[in-house]
Protein backbone atom coordinates (compact mmCIF):
# COMPACT_ATOMS: atom_id res chain seq x y z
CA UNK A 1 -13.13 -3.03 -0.55
CA UNK A 2 -16.35 -1.55 -2.83
CA UNK A 3 -18.75 -3.75 -0.85
CA UNK A 4 -20.41 -6.14 -3.53
CA UNK A 5 -22.63 -8.26 -1.90
CA UNK A 6 -21.86 -6.80 1.56
CA UNK A 7 -22.47 -3.78 3.23
CA UNK A 8 -19.96 -1.37 2.55
CA UNK A 9 -17.76 -1.25 6.01
CA UNK A 10 -14.48 0.02 5.82
CA UNK A 11 -13.64 -0.54 9.50
CA UNK A 12 -14.30 -4.50 8.60
CA UNK A 13 -12.09 -4.30 5.53
CA UNK A 14 -9.25 -3.10 7.08
CA UNK A 15 -9.70 -6.01 10.00
CA UNK A 16 -9.94 -8.64 6.85
CA UNK A 17 -7.06 -6.81 4.91
CA UNK A 18 -4.63 -6.68 7.65
CA UNK A 19 -4.94 -10.27 8.56
CA UNK A 20 -4.03 -11.55 4.61
CA UNK A 21 -1.52 -8.51 4.45
CA UNK A 22 0.19 -10.52 7.71
CA UNK A 23 0.36 -13.78 5.24
CA UNK A 24 2.12 -12.12 2.50
CA UNK A 25 -1.37 -11.50 0.45
CA UNK A 26 -0.71 -9.01 -2.52
CA UNK A 27 -3.78 -7.73 -3.11
CA UNK A 28 -4.27 -7.29 0.45
CA UNK A 29 -1.21 -4.85 1.26
CA UNK A 30 -1.80 -2.64 -1.63
CA UNK A 31 -6.08 -2.53 -0.78
CA UNK A 32 -4.59 -1.33 2.79
CA UNK A 33 -1.87 0.74 1.72
CA UNK A 34 -5.44 2.47 -0.13
CA UNK A 35 -6.77 2.53 3.24
CA UNK A 36 -4.29 4.23 5.34
CA UNK A 37 -3.63 6.42 2.59
CA UNK A 38 -7.40 7.40 2.21
CA UNK A 39 -8.06 7.42 5.81
CA UNK A 40 -11.11 5.13 5.48
CA UNK A 41 -11.86 2.49 8.39
CA UNK A 42 -8.75 3.49 9.70
CA UNK A 43 -6.70 6.76 10.25
CA UNK A 44 -4.25 8.04 7.83
CA UNK A 45 -0.85 7.51 8.12
CA UNK A 46 1.73 7.38 5.29
CA UNK A 47 3.79 5.12 6.90
CA UNK A 48 1.97 2.08 7.30
CA UNK A 49 0.78 3.29 3.20
CA UNK A 50 4.82 3.02 2.41
CA UNK A 51 4.87 -0.29 4.58
CA UNK A 52 2.68 -2.31 2.70
CA UNK A 53 2.78 -1.19 -0.47
CA UNK A 54 6.73 -1.22 0.02
CA UNK A 55 5.78 -5.64 0.91
CA UNK A 56 3.57 -5.81 -2.22
CA UNK A 57 6.28 -4.54 -4.61
CA UNK A 58 8.47 -6.38 -2.94
CA UNK A 59 7.04 -9.97 -4.10
CA UNK A 60 6.52 -8.75 -7.28
CA UNK A 61 3.08 -6.36 -7.84
CA UNK A 62 4.53 -4.01 -10.89
CA UNK A 63 1.39 -1.07 -10.38
CA UNK A 64 2.36 -1.21 -6.20
CA UNK A 65 6.16 -0.32 -7.67
CA UNK A 66 5.40 2.96 -9.29
CA UNK A 67 3.79 3.87 -5.98
CA UNK A 68 6.58 3.13 -3.97
CA UNK A 69 8.78 5.10 -6.44
CA UNK A 70 6.42 7.67 -5.91
CA UNK A 71 6.94 7.89 -2.04
CA UNK A 72 10.41 7.72 -1.85
CA UNK A 73 10.67 10.73 -4.78
CA UNK A 74 8.32 12.92 -2.50
CA UNK A 75 9.34 11.56 0.80
CA UNK A 76 5.76 10.86 2.18
CA UNK A 77 6.34 7.98 4.48
CA UNK A 78 9.50 6.83 4.04
CA UNK A 79 13.23 9.45 4.36
CA UNK A 80 12.98 10.94 0.25
CA UNK A 81 15.91 9.06 -1.35
CA UNK A 82 16.44 9.52 -5.35
CA UNK A 83 17.90 6.71 -5.46
CA UNK A 84 15.37 4.22 -3.84
CA UNK A 85 13.08 5.74 -6.06
CA UNK A 86 14.99 4.96 -9.55
CA UNK A 87 15.34 1.52 -8.56
CA UNK A 88 11.01 1.31 -8.06
CA UNK A 89 10.82 3.40 -11.22
CA UNK A 90 13.16 0.18 -12.82
CA UNK A 91 10.74 -2.25 -11.62
CA UNK A 92 7.50 -0.08 -12.56
CA UNK A 93 9.00 -0.23 -15.75
């Protein structure tokens, strides 16, 4: 995602992160969420941010669990749900 060793190209990064994410690669799911959040290489979309971060968190990525907690707490990309936010906060803890 930082262009190390290749020309930085967010559109290409999105393509490869999607491919890996669909195969269950946790780090790619996190990175794809980051690209959707920032709007780099793809249109900003909080629903897609939530989708990919939740998939990574469901596989045990603690760092992403905290991000998912924030989404549920604020209602960004998901229906605001304090109980779900607490669930993900506990997973992150």
